């Protein structure tokens, strides 16, 4: 897996030293493989996973308008 790949569902990732023997797809890896995280795909709350997008929105109102006519995003993370 390349470091820029995106994983979008519950998953289990195992790490091992270079050259370690691969296990079959449905088998739990043996040897020097270790599970990344505390309990893999079971390490989630009942509410699921929440991802937040931090941002600041400035609403622009013109003279005489009853609501914002434009919005600018000066900052986001």
PDB file of N, CA and C in Angstrom:
ATOM      1  N   UNK A   1       0.848  -1.176   0.000  1.00  0.00           N
ATOM      2  CA  UNK A   1       0.000   0.000   0.000  1.00  0.00           C
ATOM      3  C   UNK A   1       0.887   1.231   0.000  1.00  0.00           C
ATOM      4  N   UNK A   2       0.561   2.175  -0.846  1.00  0.00           N
ATOM      5  CA  UNK A   2       1.294   3.432  -0.899  1.00  0.00           C
ATOM      6  C   UNK A   2       0.786   4.361   0.200  1.00  0.00           C
ATOM      7  N   UNK A   3       1.615   5.245   0.718  1.00  0.00           N
ATOM      8  CA  UNK A   3       1.193   6.113   1.821  1.00  0.00           C
ATOM      9  C   UNK A   3       0.106   7.106   1.445  1.00  0.00           C
ATOM     10  N   UNK A   4      -0.177   7.299   0.155  1.00  0.00           N
ATOM     11  CA  UNK A   4      -1.196   8.260  -0.241  1.00  0.00           C
ATOM     12  C   UNK A   4      -2.531   7.611  -0.586  1.00  0.00           C
ATOM     13  N   UNK A   5      -2.689   6.329  -0.380  1.00  0.00           N
ATOM     14  CA  UNK A   5      -3.960   5.664  -0.656  1.00  0.00           C
ATOM     15  C   UNK A   5      -4.987   6.006   0.416  1.00  0.00           C
ATOM     16  N   UNK A   6      -6.264   5.995   0.036  1.00  0.00           N
ATOM     17  CA  UNK A   6      -7.349   6.323   0.950  1.00  0.00           C
ATOM     18  C   UNK A   6      -8.174   5.068   1.210  1.00  0.00           C
ATOM     19  N   UNK A   7      -8.435   4.769   2.476  1.00  0.00           N
ATOM     20  CA  UNK A   7      -9.267   3.637   2.870  1.00  0.00           C
ATOM     21  C   UNK A   7     -10.555   4.221   3.422  1.00  0.00           C
ATOM     22  N   UNK A   8     -11.718   3.779   2.922  1.00  0.00           N
ATOM     23  CA  UNK A   8     -12.967   4.440   3.275  1.00  0.00           C
ATOM     24  C   UNK A   8     -13.944   3.576   4.065  1.00  0.00           C
ATOM     25  N   UNK A   9     -13.547   2.442   4.561  1.00  0.00           N
ATOM     26  CA  UNK A   9     -14.474   1.618   5.337  1.00  0.00           C
ATOM     27  C   UNK A   9     -13.740   1.017   6.529  1.00  0.00           C
ATOM     28  N   UNK A  10     -14.460   0.394   7.476  1.00  0.00           N
ATOM     29  CA  UNK A  10     -13.750  -0.272   8.575  1.00  0.00           C
ATOM     30  C   UNK A  10     -12.756  -1.293   8.018  1.00  0.00           C
ATOM     31  N   UNK A  11     -11.597  -1.358   8.595  1.00  0.00           N
ATOM     32  CA  UNK A  11     -10.530  -2.185   8.047  1.00  0.00           C
ATOM     33  C   UNK A  11      -9.597  -2.661   9.143  1.00  0.00           C
ATOM     34  N   UNK A  12      -8.730  -3.573   8.791  1.00  0.00           N
ATOM     35  CA  UNK A  12      -7.649  -4.004   9.667  1.00  0.00           C
ATOM     36  C   UNK A  12      -6.348  -3.864   8.886  1.00  0.00           C
ATOM     37  N   UNK A  13      -5.367  -3.221   9.498  1.00  0.00           N
ATOM     38  CA  UNK A  13      -4.053  -3.079   8.873  1.00  0.00           C
ATOM     39  C   UNK A  13      -3.029  -3.746   9.781  1.00  0.00           C
ATOM     40  N   UNK A  14      -2.242  -4.634   9.196  1.00  0.00           N
ATOM     41  CA  UNK A  14      -1.162  -5.289   9.915  1.00  0.00           C
ATOM     42  C   UNK A  14       0.167  -4.782   9.373  1.00  0.00           C
ATOM     43  N   UNK A  15       1.146  -4.627  10.249  1.00  0.00           N
ATOM     44  CA  UNK A  15       2.494  -4.216   9.864  1.00  0.00           C
ATOM     45  C   UNK A  15       3.467  -5.337  10.182  1.00  0.00           C
ATOM     46  N   UNK A  16       4.508  -5.468   9.354  1.00  0.00           N
ATOM     47  CA  UNK A  16       5.535  -6.489   9.581  1.00  0.00           C
ATOM     48  C   UNK A  16       6.858  -5.999   9.007  1.00  0.00           C
ATOM     49  N   UNK A  17       7.954  -6.552   9.484  1.00  0.00           N
ATOM     50  CA  UNK A  17       9.260  -6.199   8.912  1.00  0.00           C
ATOM     51  C   UNK A  17       9.336  -6.624   7.439  1.00  0.00           C
ATOM     52  N   UNK A  18      10.171  -5.947   6.695  1.00  0.00           N
ATOM     53  CA  UNK A  18      10.377  -6.290   5.285  1.00  0.00           C
ATOM     54  C   UNK A  18      10.839  -7.740   5.182  1.00  0.00           C
ATOM     55  N   UNK A  19      10.268  -8.494   4.268  1.00  0.00           N
ATOM     56  CA  UNK A  19      10.655  -9.882   4.048  1.00  0.00           C
ATOM     57  C   UNK A  19       9.845 -10.894   4.837  1.00  0.00           C
ATOM     58  N   UNK A  20       8.944 -10.432   5.700  1.00  0.00           N
ATOM     59  CA  UNK A  20       8.102 -11.348   6.483  1.00  0.00           C
ATOM     60  C   UNK A  20       7.169 -12.108   5.536  1.00  0.00           C
ATOM     61  N   UNK A  21       6.908 -13.365   5.834  1.00  0.00           N
ATOM     62  CA  UNK A  21       6.046 -14.208   5.004  1.00  0.00           C
ATOM     63  C   UNK A  21       4.607 -13.714   5.044  1.00  0.00           C
ATOM     64  N   UNK A  22       3.966 -13.677   3.867  1.00  0.00           N
ATOM     65  CA  UNK A  22       2.571 -13.255   3.764  1.00  0.00           C
ATOM     66  C   UNK A  22       1.646 -14.388   4.168  1.00  0.00           C
ATOM     67  N   UNK A  23       0.531 -14.049   4.817  1.00  0.00           N
ATOM     68  CA  UNK A  23      -0.496 -15.034   5.165  1.00  0.00           C
ATOM     69  C   UNK A  23      -1.546 -15.064   4.059  1.00  0.00           C
ATOM     70  N   UNK A  24      -2.422 -16.087   4.088  1.00  0.00           N
ATOM     71  CA  UNK A  24      -3.541 -16.117   3.156  1.00  0.00           C
ATOM     72  C   UNK A  24      -4.490 -14.975   3.486  1.00  0.00           C
ATOM     73  N   UNK A  25      -5.316 -14.577   2.543  1.00  0.00           N
ATOM     74  CA  UNK A  25      -6.164 -13.396   2.680  1.00  0.00           C
ATOM     75  C   UNK A  25      -7.069 -13.430   3.905  1.00  0.00           C
ATOM     76  N   UNK A  26      -7.720 -14.556   4.201  1.00  0.00           N
ATOM     77  CA  UNK A  26      -8.665 -14.624   5.309  1.00  0.00           C
ATOM     78  C   UNK A  26      -8.049 -15.099   6.624  1.00  0.00           C
ATOM     79  N   UNK A  27      -6.752 -15.394   6.642  1.00  0.00           N
ATOM     80  CA  UNK A  27      -6.093 -15.861   7.869  1.00  0.00           C
ATOM     81  C   UNK A  27      -5.529 -14.688   8.665  1.00  0.00           C
ATOM     82  N   UNK A  28      -5.515 -14.833   9.985  1.00  0.00           N
ATOM     83  CA  UNK A  28      -4.857 -13.841  10.834  1.00  0.00           C
ATOM     84  C   UNK A  28      -3.356 -14.013  10.639  1.00  0.00           C
ATOM     85  N   UNK A  29      -2.631 -12.943  10.328  1.00  0.00           N
ATOM     86  CA  UNK A  29      -1.194 -13.069  10.084  1.00  0.00           C
ATOM     87  C   UNK A  29      -0.451 -13.619  11.299  1.00  0.00           C
ATOM     88  N   UNK A  30       0.507 -14.496  11.042  1.00  0.00           N
ATOM     89  CA  UNK A  30       1.322 -15.093  12.096  1.00  0.00           C
ATOM     90  C   UNK A  30       2.735 -14.526  12.011  1.00  0.00           C
ATOM     91  N   UNK A  31       3.544 -14.850  12.976  1.00  0.00           N
ATOM     92  CA  UNK A  31       4.938 -14.410  12.959  1.00  0.00           C
ATOM     93  C   UNK A  31       5.087 -13.021  13.539  1.00  0.00           C
ATOM     94  N   UNK A  32       5.822 -12.144  12.838  1.00  0.00           N
ATOM     95  CA  UNK A  32       6.113 -10.806  13.337  1.00  0.00           C
ATOM     96  C   UNK A  32       5.105  -9.752  12.898  1.00  0.00           C
ATOM     97  N   UNK A  33       3.965 -10.152  12.361  1.00  0.00           N
ATOM     98  CA  UNK A  33       2.930  -9.194  11.991  1.00  0.00           C
ATOM     99  C   UNK A  33       2.271  -8.666  13.256  1.00  0.00           C
ATOM    100  N   UNK A  34       1.950  -7.359  13.263  1.00  0.00           N
ATOM    101  CA  UNK A  34       1.216  -6.806  14.403  1.00  0.00           C
ATOM    102  C   UNK A  34       0.085  -5.929  13.889  1.00  0.00           C
ATOM    103  N   UNK A  35      -1.024  -5.943  14.619  1.00  0.00           N
ATOM    104  CA  UNK A  35      -2.202  -5.182  14.255  1.00  0.00           C
ATOM    105  C   UNK A  35      -1.976  -3.712  14.582  1.00  0.00           C
ATOM    106  N   UNK A  36      -2.211  -2.841  13.619  1.00  0.00           N
ATOM    107  CA  UNK A  36      -2.077  -1.409  13.832  1.00  0.00           C
ATOM    108  C   UNK A  36      -3.365  -0.911  14.477  1.00  0.00           C
ATOM    109  N   UNK A  37      -3.298  -0.316  15.655  1.00  0.00           N
ATOM    110  CA  UNK A  37      -4.478   0.120  16.391  1.00  0.00           C
ATOM    111  C   UNK A  37      -4.752  -0.825  17.535  1.00  0.00           C
ATOM    112  N   UNK A  38      -5.739  -0.488  18.359  1.00  0.00           N
ATOM    113  CA  UNK A  38      -5.984  -1.296  19.543  1.00  0.00           C
ATOM    114  C   UNK A  38      -6.773  -2.560  19.245  1.00  0.00           C
ATOM    115  N   UNK A  39      -7.770  -2.469  18.378  1.00  0.00           N
ATOM    116  CA  UNK A  39      -8.503  -3.698  18.051  1.00  0.00           C
ATOM    117  C   UNK A  39      -9.040  -3.679  16.630  1.00  0.00           C
ATOM    118  N   UNK A  40      -8.309  -3.041  15.720  1.00  0.00           N
ATOM    119  CA  UNK A  40      -8.652  -3.092  14.306  1.00  0.00           C
ATOM    120  C   UNK A  40     -10.036  -2.589  13.988  1.00  0.00           C
ATOM    121  N   UNK A  41     -10.783  -3.349  13.182  1.00  0.00           N
ATOM    122  CA  UNK A  41     -12.096  -2.900  12.722  1.00  0.00           C
ATOM    123  C   UNK A  41     -13.132  -2.852  13.836  1.00  0.00           C
ATOM    124  N   UNK A  42     -12.822  -3.388  15.014  1.00  0.00           N
ATOM    125  CA  UNK A  42     -13.762  -3.358  16.131  1.00  0.00           C
ATOM    126  C   UNK A  42     -13.513  -2.162  17.057  1.00  0.00           C
ATOM    127  N   UNK A  43     -12.584  -1.299  16.710  1.00  0.00           N
ATOM    128  CA  UNK A  43     -12.225  -0.160  17.544  1.00  0.00           C
ATOM    129  C   UNK A  43     -13.055   1.070  17.172  1.00  0.00           C
ATOM    130  N   UNK A  44     -14.380   0.928  17.199  1.00  0.00           N
ATOM    131  CA  UNK A  44     -15.290   2.013  16.866  1.00  0.00           C
ATOM    132  C   UNK A  44     -16.390   2.072  17.907  1.00  0.00           C
ATOM    133  N   UNK A  45     -16.935   3.256  18.146  1.00  0.00           N
ATOM    134  CA  UNK A  45     -18.056   3.415  19.065  1.00  0.00           C
ATOM    135  C   UNK A  45     -19.343   3.029  18.340  1.00  0.00           C
ATOM    136  N   UNK A  46     -20.416   2.863  19.089  1.00  0.00           N
ATOM    137  CA  UNK A  46     -21.709   2.543  18.495  1.00  0.00           C
ATOM    138  C   UNK A  46     -22.180   3.637  17.541  1.00  0.00           C
ATOM    139  N   UNK A  47     -21.755   4.885  17.782  1.00  0.00           N
ATOM    140  CA  UNK A  47     -22.154   6.007  16.936  1.00  0.00           C
ATOM    141  C   UNK A  47     -21.390   6.054  15.621  1.00  0.00           C
ATOM    142  N   UNK A  48     -20.377   5.221  15.455  1.00  0.00           N
ATOM    143  CA  UNK A  48     -19.577   5.232  14.241  1.00  0.00           C
ATOM    144  C   UNK A  48     -18.393   6.178  14.368  1.00  0.00           C
ATOM    145  N   UNK A  49     -17.833   6.548  13.237  1.00  0.00           N
ATOM    146  CA  UNK A  49     -16.663   7.414  13.180  1.00  0.00           C
ATOM    147  C   UNK A  49     -17.105   8.791  12.712  1.00  0.00           C
ATOM    148  N   UNK A  50     -16.621   9.834  13.371  1.00  0.00           N
ATOM    149  CA  UNK A  50     -16.953  11.200  12.987  1.00  0.00           C
ATOM    150  C   UNK A  50     -15.709  11.887  12.451  1.00  0.00           C
ATOM    151  N   UNK A  51     -15.831  12.464  11.274  1.00  0.00           N
ATOM    152  CA  UNK A  51     -14.742  13.228  10.674  1.00  0.00           C
ATOM    153  C   UNK A  51     -15.221  14.664  10.556  1.00  0.00           C
ATOM    154  N   UNK A  52     -14.437  15.600  11.048  1.00  0.00           N
ATOM    155  CA  UNK A  52     -14.832  17.002  10.976  1.00  0.00           C
ATOM    156  C   UNK A  52     -13.923  17.761  10.033  1.00  0.00           C
ATOM    157  N   UNK A  53     -14.481  18.752   9.400  1.00  0.00           N
ATOM    158  CA  UNK A  53     -13.746  19.624   8.492  1.00  0.00           C
ATOM    159  C   UNK A  53     -13.779  21.014   9.110  1.00  0.00           C
ATOM    160  N   UNK A  54     -12.673  21.434   9.713  1.00  0.00           N
ATOM    161  CA  UNK A  54     -12.588  22.739  10.351  1.00  0.00           C
ATOM    162  C   UNK A  54     -12.521  23.812   9.273  1.00  0.00           C
ATOM    163  N   UNK A  55     -13.384  24.822   9.386  1.00  0.00           N
ATOM    164  CA  UNK A  55     -13.368  25.905   8.424  1.00  0.00           C
ATOM    165  C   UNK A  55     -14.003  27.157   9.023  1.00  0.00           C
ATOM    166  N   UNK A  56     -13.692  28.296   8.427  1.00  0.00           N
ATOM    167  CA  UNK A  56     -14.284  29.567   8.810  1.00  0.00           C
ATOM    168  C   UNK A  56     -15.018  30.105   7.588  1.00  0.00           C
ATOM    169  N   UNK A  57     -16.277  30.469   7.762  1.00  0.00           N
ATOM    170  CA  UNK A  57     -17.080  31.022   6.669  1.00  0.00           C
ATOM    171  C   UNK A  57     -17.466  32.455   7.044  1.00  0.00           C
ATOM    172  N   UNK A  58     -17.173  33.401   6.171  1.00  0.00           N
ATOM    173  CA  UNK A  58     -17.595  34.786   6.348  1.00  0.00           C
ATOM    174  C   UNK A  58     -18.759  35.043   5.398  1.00  0.00           C
ATOM    175  N   UNK A  59     -19.919  35.371   5.951  1.00  0.00           N
ATOM    176  CA  UNK A  59     -21.078  35.695   5.125  1.00  0.00           C
ATOM    177  C   UNK A  59     -21.068  37.189   4.817  1.00  0.00           C
ATOM    178  N   UNK A  60     -21.305  37.519   3.565  1.00  0.00           N
ATOM    179  CA  UNK A  60     -21.266  38.909   3.123  1.00  0.00           C
ATOM    180  C   UNK A  60     -22.697  39.368   2.854  1.00  0.00           C
ATOM    181  N   UNK A  61     -23.069  40.448   3.503  1.00  0.00           N
ATOM    182  CA  UNK A  61     -24.406  41.038   3.331  1.00  0.00           C
ATOM    183  C   UNK A  61     -24.243  42.429   2.725  1.00  0.00           C
ATOM    184  N   UNK A  62     -25.069  42.726   1.778  1.00  0.00           N
ATOM    185  CA  UNK A  62     -25.032  44.048   1.163  1.00  0.00           C
ATOM    186  C   UNK A  62     -26.131  44.921   1.758  1.00  0.00           C
ATOM    187  N   UNK A  63     -25.999  46.205   1.564  1.00  0.00           N
ATOM    188  CA  UNK A  63     -26.965  47.156   2.087  1.00  0.00           C
ATOM    189  C   UNK A  63     -28.356  46.859   1.519  1.00  0.00           C
ATOM    190  N   UNK A  64     -29.314  46.688   2.379  1.00  0.00           N
ATOM    191  CA  UNK A  64     -30.687  46.444   1.961  1.00  0.00           C
ATOM    192  C   UNK A  64     -31.037  44.982   1.732  1.00  0.00           C
ATOM    193  N   UNK A  65     -30.069  44.060   1.835  1.00  0.00           N
ATOM    194  CA  UNK A  65     -30.396  42.639   1.618  1.00  0.00           C
ATOM    195  C   UNK A  65     -30.973  42.042   2.897  1.00  0.00           C
ATOM    196  N   UNK A  66     -31.818  41.044   2.729  1.00  0.00           N
ATOM    197  CA  UNK A  66     -32.423  40.403   3.895  1.00  0.00           C
ATOM    198  C   UNK A  66     -31.630  39.198   4.372  1.00  0.00           C
ATOM    199  N   UNK A  67     -30.612  38.827   3.646  1.00  0.00           N
ATOM    200  CA  UNK A  67     -29.771  37.693   4.021  1.00  0.00           C
ATOM    201  C   UNK A  67     -28.432  37.794   3.330  1.00  0.00           C
ATOM    202  N   UNK A  68     -27.542  36.854   3.593  1.00  0.00           N
ATOM    203  CA  UNK A  68     -26.226  36.888   2.954  1.00  0.00           C
ATOM    204  C   UNK A  68     -26.355  36.681   1.446  1.00  0.00           C
ATOM    205  N   UNK A  69     -25.549  37.408   0.682  1.00  0.00           N
ATOM    206  CA  UNK A  69     -25.562  37.269  -0.776  1.00  0.00           C
ATOM    207  C   UNK A  69     -24.326  36.535  -1.285  1.00  0.00           C
ATOM    208  N   UNK A  70     -23.359  36.364  -0.417  1.00  0.00           N
ATOM    209  CA  UNK A  70     -22.116  35.696  -0.805  1.00  0.00           C
ATOM    210  C   UNK A  70     -21.460  35.156   0.453  1.00  0.00           C
ATOM    211  N   UNK A  71     -20.644  34.123   0.294  1.00  0.00           N
ATOM    212  CA  UNK A  71     -19.882  33.570   1.404  1.00  0.00           C
ATOM    213  C   UNK A  71     -18.432  33.359   0.952  1.00  0.00           C
ATOM    214  N   UNK A  72     -17.508  33.638   1.857  1.00  0.00           N
ATOM    215  CA  UNK A  72     -16.094  33.438   1.576  1.00  0.00           C
ATOM    216  C   UNK A  72     -15.522  32.501   2.635  1.00  0.00           C
ATOM    217  N   UNK A  73     -14.622  31.623   2.218  1.00  0.00           N
ATOM    218  CA  UNK A  73     -13.962  30.709   3.140  1.00  0.00           C
ATOM    219  C   UNK A  73     -12.498  31.130   3.255  1.00  0.00           C
ATOM    220  N   UNK A  74     -12.164  31.989   4.238  1.00  0.00           N
ATOM    221  CA  UNK A  74     -10.802  32.475   4.371  1.00  0.00           C
ATOM    222  C   UNK A  74      -9.844  31.451   5.016  1.00  0.00           C
ATOM    223  N   UNK A  75     -10.388  30.408   5.651  1.00  0.00           N
ATOM    224  CA  UNK A  75      -9.541  29.477   6.389  1.00  0.00           C
ATOM    225  C   UNK A  75     -10.194  28.097   6.439  1.00  0.00           C
ATOM    226  N   UNK A  76      -9.400  27.050   6.237  1.00  0.00           N
ATOM    227  CA  UNK A  76      -9.888  25.673   6.390  1.00  0.00           C
ATOM    228  C   UNK A  76      -8.734  24.752   6.743  1.00  0.00           C
ATOM    229  N   UNK A  77      -9.059  23.637   7.374  1.00  0.00           N
ATOM    230  CA  UNK A  77      -8.046  22.642   7.755  1.00  0.00           C
ATOM    231  C   UNK A  77      -8.460  21.289   7.250  1.00  0.00           C
TER     232      UNK A  77
END
